[in-house]
C-alpha atoms as a PDB file:
ATOM      1  CA  MET A   1      39.297  16.119  18.154  1.00  0.00           C
ATOM      2  CA  LYS A   2      35.582  17.543  17.605  1.00  0.00           C
ATOM      3  CA  GLN A   3      32.599  15.807  18.488  1.00  0.00           C
ATOM      4  CA  ILE A   4      28.852  16.647  18.901  1.00  0.00           C
ATOM      5  CA  ILE A   5      27.552  15.421  22.129  1.00  0.00           C
ATOM      6  CA  GLN A   6      24.438  16.568  23.861  1.00  0.00           C
ATOM      7  CA  SER A   7      24.400  16.828  27.989  1.00  0.00           C
ATOM      8  CA  PHE A   8      21.444  14.667  29.344  1.00  0.00           C
ATOM      9  CA  LYS A   9      21.547  17.347  32.639  1.00  0.00           C
ATOM     10  CA  THR A  10      20.750  20.920  30.828  1.00  0.00           C
ATOM     11  CA  GLY A  11      19.685  19.509  27.217  1.00  0.00           C
ATOM     12  CA  GLU A  12      22.402  21.806  25.312  1.00  0.00           C
ATOM     13  CA  THR A  13      24.066  20.335  22.187  1.00  0.00           C
ATOM     14  CA  LEU A  14      27.760  21.217  22.080  1.00  0.00           C
ATOM     15  CA  LEU A  15      30.467  20.729  19.986  1.00  0.00           C
ATOM     16  CA  GLU A  16      33.547  19.317  22.247  1.00  0.00           C
ATOM     17  CA  ASP A  17      37.268  19.302  21.611  1.00  0.00           C
ATOM     18  CA  ILE A  18      37.863  15.464  23.010  1.00  0.00           C
ATOM     19  CA  PRO A  19      40.894  13.015  22.831  1.00  0.00           C
ATOM     20  CA  ALA A  20      40.750  10.621  19.157  1.00  0.00           C
ATOM     21  CA  PRO A  21      39.856   7.121  19.946  1.00  0.00           C
ATOM     22  CA  GLN A  22      43.001   4.786  19.771  1.00  0.00           C
ATOM     23  CA  VAL A  23      43.201   1.717  17.541  1.00  0.00           C
ATOM     24  CA  GLU A  24      41.518  -1.368  19.553  1.00  0.00           C
ATOM     25  CA  LYS A  25      41.208  -5.029  19.314  1.00  0.00           C
ATOM     26  CA  GLY A  26      38.214  -6.147  17.385  1.00  0.00           C
ATOM     27  CA  LYS A  27      37.894  -2.543  16.170  1.00  0.00           C
ATOM     28  CA  ILE A  28      38.703  -0.268  13.032  1.00  0.00           C
ATOM     29  CA  LEU A  29      39.736   3.615  13.391  1.00  0.00           C
ATOM     30  CA  ILE A  30      37.976   5.696  10.813  1.00  0.00           C
ATOM     31  CA  GLN A  31      38.902   9.671   9.666  1.00  0.00           C
ATOM     32  CA  THR A  32      35.274  11.039   9.037  1.00  0.00           C
ATOM     33  CA  SER A  33      34.456  12.424   5.477  1.00  0.00           C
ATOM     34  CA  ARG A  34      30.800  12.499   5.964  1.00  0.00           C
ATOM     35  CA  SER A  35      28.313  11.994   9.047  1.00  0.00           C
ATOM     36  CA  LEU A  36      24.452  12.087   7.861  1.00  0.00           C
ATOM     37  CA  VAL A  37      21.844  13.828  10.407  1.00  0.00           C
ATOM     38  CA  SER A  38      18.443  12.266  10.740  1.00  0.00           C
ATOM     39  CA  LEU A  39      16.318  15.443  11.820  1.00  0.00           C
ATOM     40  CA  GLY A  40      13.480  12.791  12.956  1.00  0.00           C
ATOM     41  CA  THR A  41      15.453  10.653  15.324  1.00  0.00           C
ATOM     42  CA  GLU A  42      17.826  13.077  16.377  1.00  0.00           C
ATOM     43  CA  ARG A  43      15.081  15.540  17.179  1.00  0.00           C
ATOM     44  CA  MET A  44      13.508  13.234  19.240  1.00  0.00           C
ATOM     45  CA  LEU A  45      16.908  12.791  21.376  1.00  0.00           C
ATOM     46  CA  VAL A  46      17.591  16.422  21.497  1.00  0.00           C
ATOM     47  CA  GLU A  47      13.946  17.280  23.029  1.00  0.00           C
ATOM     48  CA  PHE A  48      14.373  14.358  25.453  1.00  0.00           C
ATOM     49  CA  GLY A  49      17.705  16.064  26.597  1.00  0.00           C
ATOM     50  CA  ARG A  50      16.256  19.254  27.251  1.00  0.00           C
ATOM     51  CA  SER A  51      13.255  18.218  29.148  1.00  0.00           C
ATOM     52  CA  ASN A  52      12.718  18.194  33.105  1.00  0.00           C
ATOM     53  CA  LEU A  53      13.467  15.241  35.161  1.00  0.00           C
ATOM     54  CA  ILE A  54       9.434  14.429  35.339  1.00  0.00           C
ATOM     55  CA  SER A  55       9.302  14.712  31.851  1.00  0.00           C
ATOM     56  CA  LYS A  56      11.818  12.401  31.389  1.00  0.00           C
ATOM     57  CA  ALA A  57      10.322   9.761  33.613  1.00  0.00           C
ATOM     58  CA  ARG A  58       6.824   9.784  31.975  1.00  0.00           C
ATOM     59  CA  GLN A  59       8.601   8.822  28.449  1.00  0.00           C
ATOM     60  CA  GLN A  60      10.664   6.264  30.087  1.00  0.00           C
ATOM     61  CA  PRO A  61       8.434   4.498  32.707  1.00  0.00           C
ATOM     62  CA  ASP A  62      10.491   1.340  32.204  1.00  0.00           C
ATOM     63  CA  LYS A  63      13.590   2.934  33.345  1.00  0.00           C
ATOM     64  CA  VAL A  64      11.453   4.679  36.474  1.00  0.00           C
ATOM     65  CA  LYS A  65      10.633   1.064  37.521  1.00  0.00           C
ATOM     66  CA  GLN A  66      14.492   0.248  37.206  1.00  0.00           C
ATOM     67  CA  VAL A  67      15.131   3.102  39.606  1.00  0.00           C
ATOM     68  CA  LEU A  68      12.320   2.414  42.162  1.00  0.00           C
ATOM     69  CA  ASP A  69      13.797  -1.557  41.989  1.00  0.00           C
ATOM     70  CA  LYS A  70      17.664  -0.252  42.598  1.00  0.00           C
ATOM     71  CA  ILE A  71      15.978   1.854  45.794  1.00  0.00           C
ATOM     72  CA  ARG A  72      14.878  -0.854  47.103  1.00  0.00           C
ATOM     73  CA  THR A  73      17.758  -3.012  47.101  1.00  0.00           C
ATOM     74  CA  GLU A  74      20.680  -0.163  47.661  1.00  0.00           C
ATOM     75  CA  GLY A  75      18.814   2.800  49.248  1.00  0.00           C
ATOM     76  CA  LEU A  76      17.773   6.191  48.030  1.00  0.00           C
ATOM     77  CA  ILE A  77      21.088   8.007  48.346  1.00  0.00           C
ATOM     78  CA  PRO A  78      23.294   5.284  46.136  1.00  0.00           C
ATOM     79  CA  THR A  79      20.611   5.474  43.592  1.00  0.00           C
ATOM     80  CA  LEU A  80      20.342   9.158  43.352  1.00  0.00           C
ATOM     81  CA  GLU A  81      23.877   9.276  43.077  1.00  0.00           C
ATOM     82  CA  ALA A  82      23.710   6.637  40.286  1.00  0.00           C
ATOM     83  CA  VAL A  83      20.892   8.478  38.486  1.00  0.00           C
ATOM     84  CA  PHE A  84      22.600  11.923  38.737  1.00  0.00           C
ATOM     85  CA  ASN A  85      26.163  10.561  37.538  1.00  0.00           C
ATOM     86  CA  LYS A  86      24.359   8.996  34.222  1.00  0.00           C
ATOM     87  CA  LEU A  87      22.328  12.114  33.670  1.00  0.00           C
ATOM     88  CA  GLY A  88      26.015  13.891  33.813  1.00  0.00           C
ATOM     89  CA  GLU A  89      27.135  11.586  31.351  1.00  0.00           C
ATOM     90  CA  PRO A  90      27.622  13.298  27.720  1.00  0.00           C
ATOM     91  CA  LEU A  91      25.392  11.752  24.794  1.00  0.00           C
ATOM     92  CA  PRO A  92      27.561  10.975  21.430  1.00  0.00           C
ATOM     93  CA  LEU A  93      24.883  11.888  18.854  1.00  0.00           C
ATOM     94  CA  GLY A  94      25.100  10.702  15.255  1.00  0.00           C
ATOM     95  CA  TYR A  95      24.830   7.051  13.804  1.00  0.00           C
ATOM     96  CA  CYS A  96      25.366   7.622  10.250  1.00  0.00           C
ATOM     97  CA  ASN A  97      29.026   7.819   9.759  1.00  0.00           C
ATOM     98  CA  VAL A  98      31.231   7.392   6.450  1.00  0.00           C
ATOM     99  CA  GLY A  99      34.965   7.780   6.423  1.00  0.00           C
ATOM    100  CA  THR A 100      38.488   5.980   5.749  1.00  0.00           C
ATOM    101  CA  VAL A 101      40.051   3.152   7.903  1.00  0.00           C
ATOM    102  CA  ILE A 102      43.320   4.801   9.197  1.00  0.00           C
ATOM    103  CA  GLY A 103      43.604   2.029  11.780  1.00  0.00           C
ATOM    104  CA  VAL A 104      43.067  -1.878  12.175  1.00  0.00           C
ATOM    105  CA  GLY A 105      42.868  -3.325  15.384  1.00  0.00           C
ATOM    106  CA  GLU A 106      44.273  -6.617  16.445  1.00  0.00           C
ATOM    107  CA  GLY A 107      42.193  -9.874  15.227  1.00  0.00           C
ATOM    108  CA  VAL A 108      40.179  -7.780  12.068  1.00  0.00           C
ATOM    109  CA  SER A 109      41.112  -8.830   8.424  1.00  0.00           C
ATOM    110  CA  GLU A 110      37.647  -7.404   6.817  1.00  0.00           C
ATOM    111  CA  PHE A 111      39.418  -4.166   6.386  1.00  0.00           C
ATOM    112  CA  LYS A 112      42.729  -2.368   5.836  1.00  0.00           C
ATOM    113  CA  ILE A 113      44.271   1.108   6.001  1.00  0.00           C
ATOM    114  CA  GLY A 114      42.606   2.725   3.180  1.00  0.00           C
ATOM    115  CA  ASP A 115      39.337   1.417   2.859  1.00  0.00           C
ATOM    116  CA  ARG A 116      36.146   3.601   2.617  1.00  0.00           C
ATOM    117  CA  VAL A 117      33.286   2.555   5.193  1.00  0.00           C
ATOM    118  CA  ALA A 118      29.905   3.365   6.263  1.00  0.00           C
ATOM    119  CA  SER A 119      29.074   2.616   9.946  1.00  0.00           C
ATOM    120  CA  ASN A 120      26.937   3.458  13.121  1.00  0.00           C
ATOM    121  CA  GLY A 121      29.736   5.667  14.479  1.00  0.00           C
ATOM    122  CA  HIS A 122      29.325   9.222  15.925  1.00  0.00           C
ATOM    123  CA  HIS A 123      29.383  12.806  14.514  1.00  0.00           C
ATOM    124  CA  ALA A 124      33.010  13.086  15.282  1.00  0.00           C
ATOM    125  CA  GLU A 125      36.156  13.403  13.321  1.00  0.00           C
ATOM    126  CA  PHE A 126      37.288  10.102  14.155  1.00  0.00           C
ATOM    127  CA  VAL A 127      35.494   7.116  15.094  1.00  0.00           C
ATOM    128  CA  SER A 128      36.607   3.631  17.066  1.00  0.00           C
ATOM    129  CA  VAL A 129      34.009   0.889  15.388  1.00  0.00           C
ATOM    130  CA  PRO A 130      33.639  -2.738  16.047  1.00  0.00           C
ATOM    131  CA  LYS A 131      34.068  -4.535  12.423  1.00  0.00           C
ATOM    132  CA  ASN A 132      30.744  -5.857  12.686  1.00  0.00           C
ATOM    133  CA  LEU A 133      29.399  -2.461  12.425  1.00  0.00           C
ATOM    134  CA  ALA A 134      30.887  -1.208   9.370  1.00  0.00           C
ATOM    135  CA  ALA A 135      30.788  -2.130   5.619  1.00  0.00           C
ATOM    136  CA  HIS A 136      32.795  -1.634   2.328  1.00  0.00           C
ATOM    137  CA  ILE A 137      31.824   0.975   0.313  1.00  0.00           C
ATOM    138  CA  PRO A 138      31.361   0.223  -3.478  1.00  0.00           C
ATOM    139  CA  ILE A 139      33.666   1.960  -5.323  1.00  0.00           C
ATOM    140  CA  ASN A 140      30.556   3.769  -7.380  1.00  0.00           C
ATOM    141  CA  VAL A 141      28.770   5.002  -4.385  1.00  0.00           C
ATOM    142  CA  SER A 142      29.620   8.292  -3.158  1.00  0.00           C
ATOM    143  CA  ASP A 143      30.517   9.266   0.412  1.00  0.00           C
ATOM    144  CA  ASP A 144      27.295  11.168   0.603  1.00  0.00           C
ATOM    145  CA  ALA A 145      24.929   8.691  -1.088  1.00  0.00           C
ATOM    146  CA  ALA A 146      26.840   6.063   1.552  1.00  0.00           C
ATOM    147  CA  THR A 147      25.677   8.262   4.681  1.00  0.00           C
ATOM    148  CA  PHE A 148      22.162   6.256   4.092  1.00  0.00           C
ATOM    149  CA  THR A 149      23.295   3.242   4.782  1.00  0.00           C
ATOM    150  CA  VAL A 150      22.383   2.588   8.481  1.00  0.00           C
ATOM    151  CA  ILE A 151      19.159   4.447   8.332  1.00  0.00           C
ATOM    152  CA  GLY A 152      18.103   2.575   5.207  1.00  0.00           C
ATOM    153  CA  SER A 153      18.982  -0.701   7.133  1.00  0.00           C
ATOM    154  CA  ILE A 154      16.423   0.444   9.948  1.00  0.00           C
ATOM    155  CA  GLY A 155      13.934   0.478   7.263  1.00  0.00           C
ATOM    156  CA  LEU A 156      15.569  -2.882   5.660  1.00  0.00           C
ATOM    157  CA  GLN A 157      14.815  -4.648   8.536  1.00  0.00           C
ATOM    158  CA  GLY A 158      11.249  -3.937   8.692  1.00  0.00           C
ATOM    159  CA  ILE A 159      10.647  -5.254   5.050  1.00  0.00           C
ATOM    160  CA  ARG A 160      12.738  -8.571   6.582  1.00  0.00           C
ATOM    161  CA  LEU A 161      10.131  -8.831   9.246  1.00  0.00           C
ATOM    162  CA  LEU A 162       7.161  -8.134   6.991  1.00  0.00           C
ATOM    163  CA  ALA A 163       8.222 -10.695   4.096  1.00  0.00           C
ATOM    164  CA  PRO A 164       6.521  -8.976   0.825  1.00  0.00           C
ATOM    165  CA  THR A 165       6.317 -11.185  -1.994  1.00  0.00           C
ATOM    166  CA  LEU A 166       5.931  -9.710  -5.567  1.00  0.00           C
ATOM    167  CA  GLY A 167       2.681  -7.935  -6.308  1.00  0.00           C
ATOM    168  CA  GLU A 168       1.481  -7.141  -2.930  1.00  0.00           C
ATOM    169  CA  THR A 169       0.610  -3.903  -1.772  1.00  0.00           C
ATOM    170  CA  VAL A 170       2.069  -2.238   1.272  1.00  0.00           C
ATOM    171  CA  VAL A 171       1.578   1.027   3.262  1.00  0.00           C
ATOM    172  CA  VAL A 172       4.112   3.098   4.746  1.00  0.00           C
ATOM    173  CA  ILE A 173       2.931   5.610   7.268  1.00  0.00           C
ATOM    174  CA  GLY A 174       5.669   8.284   7.751  1.00  0.00           C
ATOM    175  CA  MET A 175       7.597   9.522   4.884  1.00  0.00           C
ATOM    176  CA  GLY A 176      10.827  10.503   6.688  1.00  0.00           C
ATOM    177  CA  LEU A 177      14.310   9.627   5.502  1.00  0.00           C
ATOM    178  CA  ILE A 178      13.633   5.828   6.737  1.00  0.00           C
ATOM    179  CA  GLY A 179       9.973   5.797   5.191  1.00  0.00           C
ATOM    180  CA  MET A 180      11.253   7.111   1.843  1.00  0.00           C
ATOM    181  CA  LEU A 181      14.109   4.654   1.975  1.00  0.00           C
ATOM    182  CA  THR A 182      11.670   2.010   3.112  1.00  0.00           C
ATOM    183  CA  ALA A 183       9.201   2.699   0.501  1.00  0.00           C
ATOM    184  CA  GLN A 184      12.006   2.526  -2.669  1.00  0.00           C
ATOM    185  CA  LEU A 185      13.333  -0.836  -1.012  1.00  0.00           C
ATOM    186  CA  LEU A 186       9.614  -2.365  -1.330  1.00  0.00           C
ATOM    187  CA  LEU A 187       9.315  -0.900  -4.749  1.00  0.00           C
ATOM    188  CA  ALA A 188      12.610  -3.057  -5.547  1.00  0.00           C
ATOM    189  CA  ASN A 189      11.100  -6.114  -3.902  1.00  0.00           C
ATOM    190  CA  GLY A 190       7.936  -5.859  -6.746  1.00  0.00           C
ATOM    191  CA  CYS A 191       5.405  -4.093  -4.541  1.00  0.00           C
ATOM    192  CA  LYS A 192       2.860  -1.736  -4.642  1.00  0.00           C
ATOM    193  CA  VAL A 193       3.784   0.836  -2.452  1.00  0.00           C
ATOM    194  CA  ILE A 194       1.559   3.677  -0.739  1.00  0.00           C
ATOM    195  CA  GLY A 195       3.258   6.168   1.260  1.00  0.00           C
ATOM    196  CA  ILE A 196       1.340   8.143   3.717  1.00  0.00           C
ATOM    197  CA  ASP A 197       2.480  11.760   5.416  1.00  0.00           C
ATOM    198  CA  ILE A 198       1.263  15.094   5.988  1.00  0.00           C
ATOM    199  CA  ASP A 199       4.379  16.753   4.325  1.00  0.00           C
ATOM    200  CA  GLU A 200       3.618  17.639   0.618  1.00  0.00           C
ATOM    201  CA  ASP A 201       7.268  18.163  -0.062  1.00  0.00           C
ATOM    202  CA  LYS A 202       8.151  14.469   0.720  1.00  0.00           C
ATOM    203  CA  LEU A 203       5.281  13.584  -1.138  1.00  0.00           C
ATOM    204  CA  ASN A 204       6.148  14.887  -4.110  1.00  0.00           C
ATOM    205  CA  LEU A 205       9.504  13.376  -3.780  1.00  0.00           C
ATOM    206  CA  SER A 206       8.296  10.021  -3.207  1.00  0.00           C
ATOM    207  CA  ARG A 207       6.103  10.508  -6.196  1.00  0.00           C
ATOM    208  CA  SER A 208       9.161  11.196  -8.556  1.00  0.00           C
ATOM    209  CA  TRP A 209      10.071   7.328  -7.713  1.00  0.00           C
ATOM    210  CA  GLY A 210       6.736   5.960  -8.614  1.00  0.00           C
ATOM    211  CA  ILE A 211       5.382   5.539  -4.665  1.00  0.00           C
ATOM    212  CA  ILE A 212       1.793   6.179  -4.666  1.00  0.00           C
ATOM    213  CA  THR A 213       1.130   8.984  -1.915  1.00  0.00           C
ATOM    214  CA  TYR A 214      -1.742  10.201   0.339  1.00  0.00           C
ATOM    215  CA  ASN A 215      -1.986  13.288   2.498  1.00  0.00           C
ATOM    216  CA  PRO A 216      -4.210  12.404   5.571  1.00  0.00           C
ATOM    217  CA  LYS A 217      -5.054  16.217   5.583  1.00  0.00           C
ATOM    218  CA  THR A 218      -7.159  15.795   2.667  1.00  0.00           C
ATOM    219  CA  GLY A 219      -9.336  12.713   3.349  1.00  0.00           C
ATOM    220  CA  ASP A 220      -9.469   9.238   5.020  1.00  0.00           C
ATOM    221  CA  PRO A 221      -6.396   7.156   4.655  1.00  0.00           C
ATOM    222  CA  VAL A 222      -7.896   4.157   5.256  1.00  0.00           C
ATOM    223  CA  LYS A 223     -10.581   5.062   2.373  1.00  0.00           C
ATOM    224  CA  PHE A 224      -7.771   5.744   0.207  1.00  0.00           C
ATOM    225  CA  VAL A 225      -6.177   1.917   0.840  1.00  0.00           C
ATOM    226  CA  ALA A 226      -9.203   0.689   0.026  1.00  0.00           C
ATOM    227  CA  SER A 227      -9.577   2.400  -3.074  1.00  0.00           C
ATOM    228  CA  GLN A 228      -6.174   1.425  -4.326  1.00  0.00           C
ATOM    229  CA  THR A 229      -6.590  -2.463  -3.397  1.00  0.00           C
ATOM    230  CA  SER A 230     -10.058  -3.039  -4.832  1.00  0.00           C
ATOM    231  CA  GLY A 231     -11.467  -3.081  -1.116  1.00  0.00           C
ATOM    232  CA  LEU A 232      -9.273  -5.809   0.091  1.00  0.00           C
ATOM    233  CA  GLY A 233      -7.012  -3.651   2.328  1.00  0.00           C
ATOM    234  CA  ALA A 234      -3.403  -4.007   2.564  1.00  0.00           C
ATOM    235  CA  ASP A 235      -1.089  -6.939   2.648  1.00  0.00           C
ATOM    236  CA  GLY A 236       1.286  -5.197   4.918  1.00  0.00           C
ATOM    237  CA  VAL A 237       1.912  -1.822   6.687  1.00  0.00           C
ATOM    238  CA  ILE A 238       5.476  -0.766   7.911  1.00  0.00           C
ATOM    239  CA  ILE A 239       4.745   2.360  10.249  1.00  0.00           C
ATOM    240  CA  THR A 240       8.103   4.400  10.165  1.00  0.00           C
ATOM    241  CA  ALA A 241       6.366   7.300  11.808  1.00  0.00           C
ATOM    242  CA  SER A 242       7.080   8.917  15.426  1.00  0.00           C
ATOM    243  CA  SER A 243       4.026   9.697  17.587  1.00  0.00           C
ATOM    244  CA  LYS A 244       2.827   9.284  21.139  1.00  0.00           C
ATOM    245  CA  THR A 245      -0.819   8.377  20.029  1.00  0.00           C
ATOM    246  CA  ASP A 246      -2.094   4.914  19.555  1.00  0.00           C
ATOM    247  CA  GLU A 247      -4.120   6.010  16.504  1.00  0.00           C
ATOM    248  CA  ILE A 248      -1.334   5.254  13.761  1.00  0.00           C
ATOM    249  CA  VAL A 249      -1.358   1.425  14.973  1.00  0.00           C
ATOM    250  CA  SER A 250      -5.225   1.556  14.723  1.00  0.00           C
ATOM    251  CA  GLN A 251      -5.314   3.360  11.433  1.00  0.00           C
ATOM    252  CA  ALA A 252      -2.898   0.333  10.420  1.00  0.00           C
ATOM    253  CA  ALA A 253      -5.042  -2.216  11.519  1.00  0.00           C
ATOM    254  CA  ARG A 254      -8.129  -0.700   9.567  1.00  0.00           C
ATOM    255  CA  MET A 255      -6.600  -0.573   6.521  1.00  0.00           C
ATOM    256  CA  SER A 256      -4.926  -3.954   6.664  1.00  0.00           C
ATOM    257  CA  ARG A 257      -6.679  -6.775   4.808  1.00  0.00           C
ATOM    258  CA  LYS A 258      -7.765  -9.982   6.725  1.00  0.00           C
ATOM    259  CA  ARG A 259      -4.768 -11.454   8.013  1.00  0.00           C
ATOM    260  CA  GLY A 260      -2.274  -8.569   7.205  1.00  0.00           C
ATOM    261  CA  ARG A 261       0.750  -8.007   8.785  1.00  0.00           C
ATOM    262  CA  ILE A 262       1.745  -4.650  10.673  1.00  0.00           C
ATOM    263  CA  ILE A 263       5.454  -3.768  11.431  1.00  0.00           C
ATOM    264  CA  LEU A 264       6.382  -0.974  13.573  1.00  0.00           C
ATOM    265  CA  VAL A 265       9.870   0.550  12.875  1.00  0.00           C
ATOM    266  CA  GLY A 266       9.055   3.824  14.447  1.00  0.00           C
ATOM    267  CA  VAL A 267       7.837   4.796  17.810  1.00  0.00           C
ATOM    268  CA  THR A 268       4.237   5.075  18.569  1.00  0.00           C
ATOM    269  CA  GLY A 269       1.685   4.593  21.488  1.00  0.00           C
ATOM    270  CA  LEU A 270       1.155   0.981  21.672  1.00  0.00           C
ATOM    271  CA  ASN A 271      -2.305   0.724  23.535  1.00  0.00           C
ATOM    272  CA  LEU A 272      -3.834  -1.844  20.857  1.00  0.00           C
ATOM    273  CA  SER A 273      -7.563  -2.686  20.326  1.00  0.00           C
ATOM    274  CA  ARG A 274      -7.748  -6.293  20.466  1.00  0.00           C
ATOM    275  CA  ALA A 275     -10.917  -6.345  18.785  1.00  0.00           C
ATOM    276  CA  GLU A 276      -9.348  -4.617  15.800  1.00  0.00           C
ATOM    277  CA  PHE A 277      -6.732  -7.245  15.667  1.00  0.00           C
ATOM    278  CA  TYR A 278      -8.961 -10.026  16.477  1.00  0.00           C
ATOM    279  CA  GLU A 279     -11.455  -9.563  13.733  1.00  0.00           C
ATOM    280  CA  LYS A 280      -9.076  -9.398  11.221  1.00  0.00           C
ATOM    281  CA  GLU A 281      -6.609 -12.091  12.538  1.00  0.00           C
ATOM    282  CA  LEU A 282      -3.914  -9.351  11.960  1.00  0.00           C
ATOM    283  CA  SER A 283       0.223  -9.993  12.798  1.00  0.00           C
ATOM    284  CA  PHE A 284       1.902  -7.566  14.513  1.00  0.00           C
ATOM    285  CA  GLN A 285       5.645  -7.084  15.167  1.00  0.00           C
ATOM    286  CA  VAL A 286       8.062  -4.464  16.349  1.00  0.00           C
ATOM    287  CA  SER A 287      11.148  -4.386  14.495  1.00  0.00           C
ATOM    288  CA  CYS A 288      14.760  -3.714  16.109  1.00  0.00           C
ATOM    289  CA  SER A 289      16.809  -1.425  14.826  1.00  0.00           C
ATOM    290  CA  TYR A 290      19.542  -2.466  12.135  1.00  0.00           C
ATOM    291  CA  GLY A 291      18.877  -6.183  12.415  1.00  0.00           C
ATOM    292  CA  PRO A 292      19.987  -9.297  14.206  1.00  0.00           C
ATOM    293  CA  GLY A 293      22.987  -8.821  16.423  1.00  0.00           C
ATOM    294  CA  ARG A 294      21.931  -5.536  17.413  1.00  0.00           C
ATOM    295  CA  TYR A 295      22.661  -4.940  21.384  1.00  0.00           C
ATOM    296  CA  ASP A 296      24.127  -8.428  21.464  1.00  0.00           C
ATOM    297  CA  GLU A 297      27.848  -7.743  23.052  1.00  0.00           C
ATOM    298  CA  GLN A 298      29.003 -10.885  21.810  1.00  0.00           C
ATOM    299  CA  TYR A 299      28.021  -9.794  18.276  1.00  0.00           C
ATOM    300  CA  GLU A 300      28.769  -6.104  18.275  1.00  0.00           C
ATOM    301  CA  GLN A 301      31.800  -5.566  20.810  1.00  0.00           C
ATOM    302  CA  ARG A 302      33.316  -9.164  20.539  1.00  0.00           C
ATOM    303  CA  GLY A 303      33.134  -9.814  16.555  1.00  0.00           C
ATOM    304  CA  MET A 304      31.232 -13.064  16.918  1.00  0.00           C
ATOM    305  CA  ASP A 305      29.185 -13.003  13.646  1.00  0.00           C
ATOM    306  CA  TYR A 306      25.904 -15.460  13.025  1.00  0.00           C
ATOM    307  CA  PRO A 307      26.439 -18.484  10.831  1.00  0.00           C
ATOM    308  CA  VAL A 308      24.553 -17.575   7.435  1.00  0.00           C
ATOM    309  CA  PRO A 309      22.478 -20.831   7.347  1.00  0.00           C
ATOM    310  CA  PHE A 310      20.675 -19.830  10.407  1.00  0.00           C
ATOM    311  CA  VAL A 311      20.866 -16.033  10.576  1.00  0.00           C
ATOM    312  CA  ARG A 312      20.660 -14.668   6.841  1.00  0.00           C
ATOM    313  CA  TRP A 313      20.716 -11.018   7.459  1.00  0.00           C
ATOM    314  CA  THR A 314      22.439  -9.815  10.499  1.00  0.00           C
ATOM    315  CA  GLU A 315      22.942  -6.196  10.737  1.00  0.00           C
ATOM    316  CA  LYS A 316      25.983  -5.984   9.197  1.00  0.00           C
ATOM    317  CA  ARG A 317      24.900  -7.958   6.083  1.00  0.00           C
ATOM    318  CA  ASN A 318      21.937  -5.629   5.848  1.00  0.00           C
ATOM    319  CA  PHE A 319      24.467  -2.657   5.824  1.00  0.00           C
ATOM    320  CA  GLU A 320      25.640  -4.403   2.875  1.00  0.00           C
ATOM    321  CA  ALA A 321      22.570  -5.037   1.201  1.00  0.00           C
ATOM    322  CA  VAL A 322      21.395  -1.333   1.107  1.00  0.00           C
ATOM    323  CA  LEU A 323      25.058  -0.506   0.007  1.00  0.00           C
ATOM    324  CA  GLN A 324      24.584  -2.737  -3.083  1.00  0.00           C
ATOM    325  CA  ALA A 325      21.158  -1.397  -3.450  1.00  0.00           C
ATOM    326  CA  LEU A 326      22.730   2.097  -3.629  1.00  0.00           C
ATOM    327  CA  SER A 327      25.304   0.740  -6.030  1.00  0.00           C
ATOM    328  CA  VAL A 328      22.639  -0.595  -8.580  1.00  0.00           C
ATOM    329  CA  GLY A 329      20.411   2.518  -8.562  1.00  0.00           C
ATOM    330  CA  SER A 330      17.697   0.538  -6.525  1.00  0.00           C
ATOM    331  CA  LEU A 331      17.835   3.469  -3.867  1.00  0.00           C
ATOM    332  CA  GLN A 332      17.844   7.162  -4.797  1.00  0.00           C
ATOM    333  CA  VAL A 333      18.964   9.372  -2.024  1.00  0.00           C
ATOM    334  CA  ASN A 334      20.576  12.581  -3.570  1.00  0.00           C
ATOM    335  CA  ASP A 335      17.655  14.554  -3.472  1.00  0.00           C
ATOM    336  CA  MET A 336      16.930  13.357   0.115  1.00  0.00           C
ATOM    337  CA  ILE A 337      20.133  15.663   1.135  1.00  0.00           C
ATOM    338  CA  THR A 338      18.499  19.055   2.160  1.00  0.00           C
ATOM    339  CA  GLU A 339      21.498  20.676   3.578  1.00  0.00           C
ATOM    340  CA  VAL A 340      25.284  20.410   3.567  1.00  0.00           C
ATOM    341  CA  VAL A 341      26.901  21.938   6.604  1.00  0.00           C
ATOM    342  CA  ASP A 342      30.627  22.200   8.316  1.00  0.00           C
ATOM    343  CA  ILE A 343      30.756  20.228  11.845  1.00  0.00           C
ATOM    344  CA  GLN A 344      31.678  23.815  13.111  1.00  0.00           C
ATOM    345  CA  ASN A 345      28.505  24.948  12.013  1.00  0.00           C
ATOM    346  CA  PHE A 346      26.283  21.952  13.372  1.00  0.00           C
ATOM    347  CA  GLN A 347      24.128  24.426  15.814  1.00  0.00           C
ATOM    348  CA  LYS A 348      22.525  25.494  12.154  1.00  0.00           C
ATOM    349  CA  ILE A 349      21.247  21.879  12.103  1.00  0.00           C
ATOM    350  CA  TYR A 350      20.604  21.302  16.051  1.00  0.00           C
ATOM    351  CA  ASN A 351      18.602  24.670  16.743  1.00  0.00           C
END
């Protein structure tokens, strides 16, 4: 089968012919029909892969500390061998997969052959996915629309943490795919939504859904938010932008009301100003991917669910909620699809 991968060593993005996965216990085997490329997230991965070793180290100082600790405990040569072996491993790209179940592993009762499902599978003709990382697609949701399930869940988890109430004003900074989906879901929650971005095309599309927009190239977004909230400031700010600077978080603090909430869904610098947060008693939280269960081996790989009375919204249940929003029309995604290409022409996107 064909799969899109990236070499961490060279940064090159390739279409490789590799053996198709087999049906495994606790997993489903999916034949892919559609796969969404999120340009922002995947561009970041590709650029990281293309950077040199020093640049990679600067971008991941926590990994450098792990390497130094390993050198102290295991020695220089074994550590270098482990690092270069890791860099030599290909990285499968993609995490927004839609397809049809063609195999069901032992212990899986929720799916059957022929089901249409959305999952976090890679850009590949066939993917094997744990049962807690896939969800059924409603009959009235197209494959194209369903590819937004996983990326929509990233925004939805940020909203879960923010816990908005009817009538609140929420600012979304960064109107890429995650930002636009987040803004639409906030509208469905009864919020007044302000979207901030420097891309006028994204702002025009956002306005068509009823989102108030502002381009910081035209002035001060903090003053604009104040003008939209009778001087009170935003009840909440969700940051879906990607930036290496600390300015976005600082800006979010300045546009928030006293005791406002700020949720970081994207990636920014985090040298916070204590004074900005102290004076307003602001709350700040970082959202983790698709929701509870993410990176938990017991949940993801072994299929052990969290009880609903204690964890209402897991990552799988967030998938299902996004698909329901697509089904009832709360999420409009067709205009967000900019191009459709065959997997053979993948370089058209990644270059």
